[in-house]
Amino acid sequence: MKRALVLLAVPVLCAALAACSSDDKGGRSEKQSAEKYIAALNARDPQGLIDLNHLAPGETGVKEEADKLIAENGGRGLKISGIDVSKEFEPTLASVGITGTDGTGKPFSMYVLMNEKDGDWVIGLGTLPIKGTPKPTAH
């Protein structure tokens, strides 16, 4: 009986170890976030943009910024031809360049700043409060 349990446990253990050693970290990649960003713009879906944001404590203006992005770029039928991810400063901060054409065939290009949070690449919407009192600058 013990031998049968060991024989059954070995494949399960191997599968678990293989899953742990996989290069796939899970979560949403920068490319996937960029694709969802464009899909939300095309659908004129501010909640779709908000869902790509990581709401930090005290953050304000998220809905207003999502609405502004939709007003400026929403519903244009954007089609992605390229996504370029650049991480110049640190591995958890990315500038994502998105290029393509709109519904009329006119080229577009935009950059979206993203950061990695809990395994997902998120966009920043809204503003965070400034802690402390600003120090005067010398003139």
N, C-alpha and C. Protein backbone atom coordinates (compact mmCIF):
# COMPACT_ATOMS: atom_id res chain seq x y z
N MET A 1 0.83 -1.20 0.00
CA MET A 1 0.00 0.00 0.00
C MET A 1 0.87 1.26 0.00
N LYS A 2 1.92 1.25 0.86
CA LYS A 2 2.81 2.41 0.90
C LYS A 2 3.50 2.61 -0.44
N ARG A 3 3.90 1.50 -1.05
CA ARG A 3 4.58 1.59 -2.34
C ARG A 3 3.64 2.18 -3.40
N ALA A 4 2.38 1.82 -3.37
CA ALA A 4 1.41 2.35 -4.32
C ALA A 4 1.24 3.85 -4.12
N LEU A 5 1.19 4.31 -2.86
CA LEU A 5 1.07 5.74 -2.59
C LEU A 5 2.30 6.50 -3.07
N VAL A 6 3.48 5.93 -2.85
CA VAL A 6 4.71 6.57 -3.31
C VAL A 6 4.70 6.67 -4.83
N LEU A 7 4.28 5.60 -5.51
CA LEU A 7 4.24 5.62 -6.97
C LEU A 7 3.26 6.66 -7.50
N LEU A 8 2.17 6.86 -6.77
CA LEU A 8 1.21 7.88 -7.18
C LEU A 8 1.71 9.28 -6.86
N ALA A 9 2.45 9.42 -5.78
CA ALA A 9 2.92 10.74 -5.35
C ALA A 9 4.04 11.27 -6.24
N VAL A 10 4.85 10.42 -6.81
CA VAL A 10 5.99 10.86 -7.62
C VAL A 10 5.55 11.70 -8.82
N PRO A 11 4.58 11.27 -9.63
CA PRO A 11 4.18 12.12 -10.76
C PRO A 11 3.59 13.47 -10.32
N VAL A 12 2.86 13.45 -9.22
CA VAL A 12 2.27 14.69 -8.72
C VAL A 12 3.37 15.64 -8.27
N LEU A 13 4.36 15.13 -7.55
CA LEU A 13 5.48 15.93 -7.09
C LEU A 13 6.27 16.49 -8.27
N CYS A 14 6.52 15.68 -9.28
CA CYS A 14 7.25 16.13 -10.47
C CYS A 14 6.49 17.25 -11.18
N ALA A 15 5.19 17.10 -11.29
CA ALA A 15 4.38 18.14 -11.94
C ALA A 15 4.43 19.44 -11.14
N ALA A 16 4.36 19.33 -9.82
CA ALA A 16 4.42 20.52 -8.97
C ALA A 16 5.77 21.22 -9.09
N LEU A 17 6.84 20.45 -9.11
CA LEU A 17 8.17 21.04 -9.25
C LEU A 17 8.35 21.68 -10.62
N ALA A 18 7.82 21.06 -11.63
CA ALA A 18 7.91 21.64 -12.98
C ALA A 18 7.16 22.96 -13.04
N ALA A 19 6.02 23.03 -12.40
CA ALA A 19 5.25 24.28 -12.39
C ALA A 19 6.00 25.37 -11.65
N CYS A 20 6.66 25.03 -10.56
CA CYS A 20 7.41 26.02 -9.79
C CYS A 20 8.63 26.52 -10.55
N SER A 21 9.24 25.68 -11.36
CA SER A 21 10.45 26.08 -12.05
C SER A 21 10.17 26.72 -13.41
N SER A 22 8.94 26.82 -13.78
CA SER A 22 8.58 27.41 -15.06
C SER A 22 8.97 28.88 -15.11
N ASP A 23 9.31 29.38 -16.31
CA ASP A 23 9.65 30.78 -16.49
C ASP A 23 8.41 31.66 -16.43
N ASP A 24 7.24 31.08 -16.58
CA ASP A 24 6.00 31.84 -16.56
C ASP A 24 5.70 32.28 -15.13
N LYS A 25 5.80 33.59 -14.89
CA LYS A 25 5.56 34.11 -13.55
C LYS A 25 4.07 34.29 -13.27
N GLY A 26 3.26 34.09 -14.27
CA GLY A 26 1.84 34.35 -14.08
C GLY A 26 1.61 35.84 -14.16
N GLY A 27 0.43 36.28 -13.87
CA GLY A 27 0.16 37.71 -13.92
C GLY A 27 0.07 38.21 -15.35
N ARG A 28 -0.13 39.52 -15.46
CA ARG A 28 -0.32 40.16 -16.76
C ARG A 28 0.99 40.83 -17.19
N SER A 29 1.47 40.52 -18.38
CA SER A 29 2.71 41.09 -18.89
C SER A 29 2.48 42.53 -19.35
N GLU A 30 3.58 43.21 -19.66
CA GLU A 30 3.49 44.57 -20.19
C GLU A 30 2.71 44.57 -21.51
N LYS A 31 2.99 43.59 -22.36
CA LYS A 31 2.29 43.50 -23.65
C LYS A 31 0.79 43.26 -23.45
N GLN A 32 0.44 42.36 -22.54
CA GLN A 32 -0.98 42.09 -22.28
C GLN A 32 -1.66 43.33 -21.72
N SER A 33 -0.98 44.07 -20.84
CA SER A 33 -1.57 45.30 -20.30
C SER A 33 -1.75 46.33 -21.39
N ALA A 34 -0.78 46.45 -22.31
CA ALA A 34 -0.90 47.39 -23.42
C ALA A 34 -2.09 47.03 -24.31
N GLU A 35 -2.25 45.74 -24.58
CA GLU A 35 -3.38 45.29 -25.41
C GLU A 35 -4.71 45.59 -24.72
N LYS A 36 -4.78 45.37 -23.41
CA LYS A 36 -6.02 45.67 -22.67
C LYS A 36 -6.27 47.18 -22.63
N TYR A 37 -5.21 47.96 -22.55
CA TYR A 37 -5.30 49.42 -22.55
C TYR A 37 -5.94 49.90 -23.86
N ILE A 38 -5.43 49.40 -24.99
CA ILE A 38 -5.98 49.79 -26.30
C ILE A 38 -7.42 49.28 -26.44
N ALA A 39 -7.69 48.07 -25.97
CA ALA A 39 -9.06 47.53 -26.05
C ALA A 39 -10.03 48.40 -25.26
N ALA A 40 -9.60 48.88 -24.08
CA ALA A 40 -10.46 49.75 -23.27
C ALA A 40 -10.70 51.08 -23.98
N LEU A 41 -9.65 51.63 -24.60
CA LEU A 41 -9.84 52.88 -25.37
C LEU A 41 -10.81 52.66 -26.51
N ASN A 42 -10.62 51.59 -27.27
CA ASN A 42 -11.49 51.33 -28.42
C ASN A 42 -12.94 51.14 -28.00
N ALA A 43 -13.14 50.50 -26.85
CA ALA A 43 -14.50 50.24 -26.36
C ALA A 43 -15.07 51.45 -25.60
N ARG A 44 -14.28 52.51 -25.48
CA ARG A 44 -14.68 53.68 -24.69
C ARG A 44 -15.11 53.24 -23.28
N ASP A 45 -14.25 52.44 -22.67
CA ASP A 45 -14.54 51.78 -21.39
C ASP A 45 -13.63 52.31 -20.28
N PRO A 46 -14.05 53.37 -19.58
CA PRO A 46 -13.19 53.89 -18.51
C PRO A 46 -12.95 52.87 -17.40
N GLN A 47 -13.91 52.00 -17.12
CA GLN A 47 -13.71 50.98 -16.08
C GLN A 47 -12.61 50.00 -16.50
N GLY A 48 -12.50 49.74 -17.79
CA GLY A 48 -11.43 48.88 -18.29
C GLY A 48 -10.06 49.48 -18.00
N LEU A 49 -9.94 50.80 -18.14
CA LEU A 49 -8.69 51.48 -17.79
C LEU A 49 -8.46 51.44 -16.28
N ILE A 50 -9.51 51.69 -15.53
CA ILE A 50 -9.39 51.68 -14.07
C ILE A 50 -8.96 50.30 -13.58
N ASP A 51 -9.44 49.24 -14.23
CA ASP A 51 -9.06 47.88 -13.85
C ASP A 51 -7.58 47.60 -14.09
N LEU A 52 -6.95 48.37 -14.98
CA LEU A 52 -5.51 48.22 -15.24
C LEU A 52 -4.66 49.01 -14.25
N ASN A 53 -5.30 49.81 -13.43
CA ASN A 53 -4.62 50.65 -12.44
C ASN A 53 -4.51 49.91 -11.12
N HIS A 54 -3.43 50.16 -10.39
CA HIS A 54 -3.33 49.63 -9.02
C HIS A 54 -3.64 50.79 -8.10
N LEU A 55 -4.80 50.75 -7.49
CA LEU A 55 -5.23 51.85 -6.63
C LEU A 55 -4.43 51.85 -5.33
N ALA A 56 -3.63 52.89 -5.16
CA ALA A 56 -2.83 53.03 -3.95
C ALA A 56 -3.64 53.79 -2.90
N PRO A 57 -3.38 53.56 -1.63
CA PRO A 57 -4.09 54.30 -0.58
C PRO A 57 -3.92 55.82 -0.77
N GLY A 58 -5.02 56.53 -0.72
CA GLY A 58 -5.00 57.98 -0.85
C GLY A 58 -4.99 58.50 -2.28
N GLU A 59 -4.96 57.60 -3.25
CA GLU A 59 -4.93 58.03 -4.65
C GLU A 59 -6.27 58.65 -5.03
N THR A 60 -6.21 59.76 -5.75
CA THR A 60 -7.43 60.46 -6.17
C THR A 60 -7.38 60.74 -7.67
N GLY A 61 -8.52 61.03 -8.24
CA GLY A 61 -8.61 61.45 -9.64
C GLY A 61 -8.52 60.32 -10.65
N VAL A 62 -8.65 59.08 -10.20
CA VAL A 62 -8.50 57.93 -11.10
C VAL A 62 -9.61 57.93 -12.16
N LYS A 63 -10.85 58.04 -11.74
CA LYS A 63 -11.97 58.02 -12.69
C LYS A 63 -11.88 59.21 -13.64
N GLU A 64 -11.53 60.36 -13.11
CA GLU A 64 -11.44 61.56 -13.95
C GLU A 64 -10.36 61.39 -15.03
N GLU A 65 -9.22 60.81 -14.66
CA GLU A 65 -8.16 60.60 -15.64
C GLU A 65 -8.56 59.55 -16.67
N ALA A 66 -9.24 58.50 -16.24
CA ALA A 66 -9.72 57.48 -17.18
C ALA A 66 -10.71 58.11 -18.16
N ASP A 67 -11.63 58.94 -17.65
CA ASP A 67 -12.60 59.61 -18.52
C ASP A 67 -11.89 60.53 -19.52
N LYS A 68 -10.84 61.22 -19.08
CA LYS A 68 -10.09 62.11 -19.96
C LYS A 68 -9.40 61.33 -21.07
N LEU A 69 -8.79 60.20 -20.72
CA LEU A 69 -8.13 59.37 -21.74
C LEU A 69 -9.13 58.86 -22.77
N ILE A 70 -10.31 58.47 -22.30
CA ILE A 70 -11.36 58.00 -23.21
C ILE A 70 -11.81 59.14 -24.12
N ALA A 71 -11.99 60.34 -23.56
CA ALA A 71 -12.41 61.49 -24.37
C ALA A 71 -11.37 61.83 -25.44
N GLU A 72 -10.09 61.69 -25.10
CA GLU A 72 -9.02 62.05 -26.05
C GLU A 72 -8.76 60.97 -27.10
N ASN A 73 -8.83 59.71 -26.71
CA ASN A 73 -8.40 58.63 -27.62
C ASN A 73 -9.41 57.50 -27.79
N GLY A 74 -10.55 57.58 -27.16
CA GLY A 74 -11.50 56.48 -27.20
C GLY A 74 -12.25 56.36 -28.51
N GLY A 75 -12.61 55.13 -28.84
CA GLY A 75 -13.46 54.87 -29.99
C GLY A 75 -12.83 55.10 -31.35
N ARG A 76 -11.50 55.12 -31.42
CA ARG A 76 -10.82 55.40 -32.69
C ARG A 76 -10.51 54.15 -33.49
N GLY A 77 -10.86 52.99 -32.99
CA GLY A 77 -10.59 51.75 -33.72
C GLY A 77 -9.10 51.48 -33.88
N LEU A 78 -8.35 51.70 -32.80
CA LEU A 78 -6.90 51.54 -32.85
C LEU A 78 -6.51 50.08 -33.05
N LYS A 79 -5.56 49.86 -33.97
CA LYS A 79 -5.03 48.52 -34.23
C LYS A 79 -3.54 48.56 -33.97
N ILE A 80 -3.08 47.67 -33.12
CA ILE A 80 -1.67 47.64 -32.71
C ILE A 80 -0.84 46.94 -33.78
N SER A 81 0.27 47.58 -34.15
CA SER A 81 1.24 46.91 -35.03
C SER A 81 2.55 46.62 -34.29
N GLY A 82 2.78 47.33 -33.18
CA GLY A 82 4.01 47.09 -32.43
C GLY A 82 3.89 47.53 -30.98
N ILE A 83 4.55 46.79 -30.12
CA ILE A 83 4.63 47.13 -28.69
C ILE A 83 6.10 47.01 -28.31
N ASP A 84 6.68 48.12 -27.84
CA ASP A 84 8.09 48.15 -27.47
C ASP A 84 8.20 48.45 -25.98
N VAL A 85 8.79 47.54 -25.23
CA VAL A 85 8.92 47.69 -23.78
C VAL A 85 10.35 48.10 -23.46
N SER A 86 10.49 49.20 -22.73
CA SER A 86 11.80 49.68 -22.32
C SER A 86 11.85 49.79 -20.80
N LYS A 87 12.88 49.19 -20.21
CA LYS A 87 13.08 49.25 -18.75
C LYS A 87 14.46 49.83 -18.48
N GLU A 88 14.59 51.13 -18.58
CA GLU A 88 15.88 51.78 -18.45
C GLU A 88 16.31 52.00 -17.00
N PHE A 89 15.38 52.20 -16.09
CA PHE A 89 15.74 52.59 -14.74
C PHE A 89 15.73 51.44 -13.75
N GLU A 90 14.73 50.61 -13.82
CA GLU A 90 14.65 49.46 -12.93
C GLU A 90 13.70 48.42 -13.53
N PRO A 91 13.84 47.16 -13.12
CA PRO A 91 13.06 46.10 -13.76
C PRO A 91 11.55 46.13 -13.47
N THR A 92 11.12 46.92 -12.49
CA THR A 92 9.69 46.98 -12.17
C THR A 92 9.01 48.23 -12.72
N LEU A 93 9.73 49.00 -13.55
CA LEU A 93 9.18 50.21 -14.16
C LEU A 93 9.44 50.14 -15.66
N ALA A 94 8.38 50.32 -16.46
CA ALA A 94 8.52 50.19 -17.91
C ALA A 94 7.84 51.35 -18.63
N SER A 95 8.48 51.78 -19.70
CA SER A 95 7.86 52.70 -20.65
C SER A 95 7.48 51.83 -21.84
N VAL A 96 6.20 51.81 -22.16
CA VAL A 96 5.70 50.92 -23.20
C VAL A 96 5.23 51.77 -24.39
N GLY A 97 5.94 51.63 -25.50
CA GLY A 97 5.57 52.33 -26.72
C GLY A 97 4.62 51.46 -27.53
N ILE A 98 3.50 52.05 -27.92
CA ILE A 98 2.49 51.33 -28.70
C ILE A 98 2.31 52.06 -30.02
N THR A 99 2.47 51.34 -31.12
CA THR A 99 2.28 51.93 -32.44
C THR A 99 1.25 51.13 -33.22
N GLY A 100 0.67 51.78 -34.21
CA GLY A 100 -0.32 51.11 -35.04
C GLY A 100 -1.06 52.10 -35.90
N THR A 101 -2.28 51.74 -36.26
CA THR A 101 -3.12 52.62 -37.07
C THR A 101 -4.50 52.74 -36.42
N ASP A 102 -5.16 53.86 -36.72
CA ASP A 102 -6.53 54.00 -36.22
C ASP A 102 -7.49 53.46 -37.27
N GLY A 103 -8.77 53.60 -37.02
CA GLY A 103 -9.79 53.05 -37.90
C GLY A 103 -9.77 53.61 -39.31
N THR A 104 -9.16 54.78 -39.51
CA THR A 104 -9.08 55.38 -40.84
C THR A 104 -7.76 55.05 -41.54
N GLY A 105 -6.89 54.29 -40.86
CA GLY A 105 -5.59 53.93 -41.43
C GLY A 105 -4.48 54.91 -41.07
N LYS A 106 -4.81 55.95 -40.31
CA LYS A 106 -3.81 56.94 -39.90
C LYS A 106 -2.93 56.34 -38.80
N PRO A 107 -1.59 56.50 -38.91
CA PRO A 107 -0.70 55.95 -37.90
C PRO A 107 -0.89 56.65 -36.55
N PHE A 108 -0.69 55.90 -35.48
CA PHE A 108 -0.68 56.48 -34.14
C PHE A 108 0.52 55.92 -33.38
N SER A 109 0.93 56.67 -32.37
CA SER A 109 2.03 56.26 -31.51
C SER A 109 1.77 56.85 -30.13
N MET A 110 1.92 56.04 -29.10
CA MET A 110 1.74 56.54 -27.74
C MET A 110 2.64 55.77 -26.79
N TYR A 111 2.92 56.40 -25.66
CA TYR A 111 3.69 55.76 -24.60
C TYR A 111 2.83 55.66 -23.36
N VAL A 112 2.93 54.51 -22.69
CA VAL A 112 2.21 54.28 -21.44
C VAL A 112 3.24 53.84 -20.40
N LEU A 113 3.27 54.53 -19.28
CA LEU A 113 4.15 54.14 -18.19
C LEU A 113 3.46 53.06 -17.37
N MET A 114 4.21 52.02 -17.05
CA MET A 114 3.67 50.90 -16.26
C MET A 114 4.65 50.53 -15.17
N ASN A 115 4.11 49.95 -14.12
CA ASN A 115 4.96 49.35 -13.10
C ASN A 115 4.40 48.00 -12.70
N GLU A 116 5.29 47.15 -12.23
CA GLU A 116 4.90 45.79 -11.85
C GLU A 116 4.42 45.82 -10.40
N LYS A 117 3.23 45.28 -10.19
CA LYS A 117 2.65 45.23 -8.85
C LYS A 117 2.00 43.87 -8.67
N ASP A 118 2.49 43.11 -7.71
CA ASP A 118 1.93 41.80 -7.38
C ASP A 118 1.83 40.88 -8.60
N GLY A 119 2.84 40.91 -9.48
CA GLY A 119 2.87 40.02 -10.64
C GLY A 119 2.18 40.54 -11.88
N ASP A 120 1.46 41.66 -11.77
CA ASP A 120 0.78 42.25 -12.92
C ASP A 120 1.45 43.58 -13.28
N TRP A 121 1.48 43.90 -14.56
CA TRP A 121 1.95 45.21 -15.01
C TRP A 121 0.74 46.12 -15.07
N VAL A 122 0.80 47.24 -14.34
CA VAL A 122 -0.33 48.15 -14.18
C VAL A 122 0.04 49.54 -14.69
N ILE A 123 -0.97 50.30 -15.07
CA ILE A 123 -0.78 51.69 -15.48
C ILE A 123 -1.03 52.58 -14.27
N GLY A 124 -0.60 53.81 -14.36
CA GLY A 124 -0.83 54.76 -13.28
C GLY A 124 -1.90 55.76 -13.69
N LEU A 125 -2.94 55.84 -12.91
CA LEU A 125 -3.98 56.84 -13.11
C LEU A 125 -4.13 57.62 -11.82
N GLY A 126 -4.48 58.87 -11.91
CA GLY A 126 -4.72 59.66 -10.70
C GLY A 126 -3.43 60.19 -10.11
N THR A 127 -3.57 60.75 -8.91
CA THR A 127 -2.43 61.32 -8.20
C THR A 127 -2.42 60.85 -6.76
N LEU A 128 -1.24 60.81 -6.20
CA LEU A 128 -1.07 60.45 -4.79
C LEU A 128 -0.83 61.72 -3.99
N PRO A 129 -1.27 61.75 -2.74
CA PRO A 129 -1.03 62.93 -1.92
C PRO A 129 0.47 63.06 -1.63
N ILE A 130 0.92 64.30 -1.51
CA ILE A 130 2.31 64.57 -1.14
C ILE A 130 2.38 64.59 0.38
N LYS A 131 3.29 63.78 0.91
CA LYS A 131 3.43 63.72 2.37
C LYS A 131 4.39 64.80 2.83
N GLY A 132 4.09 65.40 3.97
CA GLY A 132 4.98 66.41 4.53
C GLY A 132 4.71 67.78 3.94
N THR A 133 5.48 68.72 4.37
CA THR A 133 5.35 70.09 3.91
C THR A 133 6.42 70.37 2.86
N PRO A 134 6.04 70.91 1.72
CA PRO A 134 7.06 71.20 0.72
C PRO A 134 8.05 72.22 1.25
N LYS A 135 9.32 72.01 0.93
CA LYS A 135 10.37 72.93 1.35
C LYS A 135 10.51 74.03 0.31
N PRO A 136 10.68 75.27 0.78
CA PRO A 136 10.86 76.36 -0.20
C PRO A 136 12.17 76.16 -0.96
N THR A 137 12.14 76.59 -2.22
CA THR A 137 13.35 76.51 -3.04
C THR A 137 14.08 77.82 -3.00
N ALA A 138 15.39 77.77 -3.09
CA ALA A 138 16.20 78.98 -3.11
C ALA A 138 16.11 79.63 -4.48
N HIS A 139 16.05 80.95 -4.49
CA HIS A 139 15.98 81.66 -5.78
C HIS A 139 17.28 82.31 -6.07
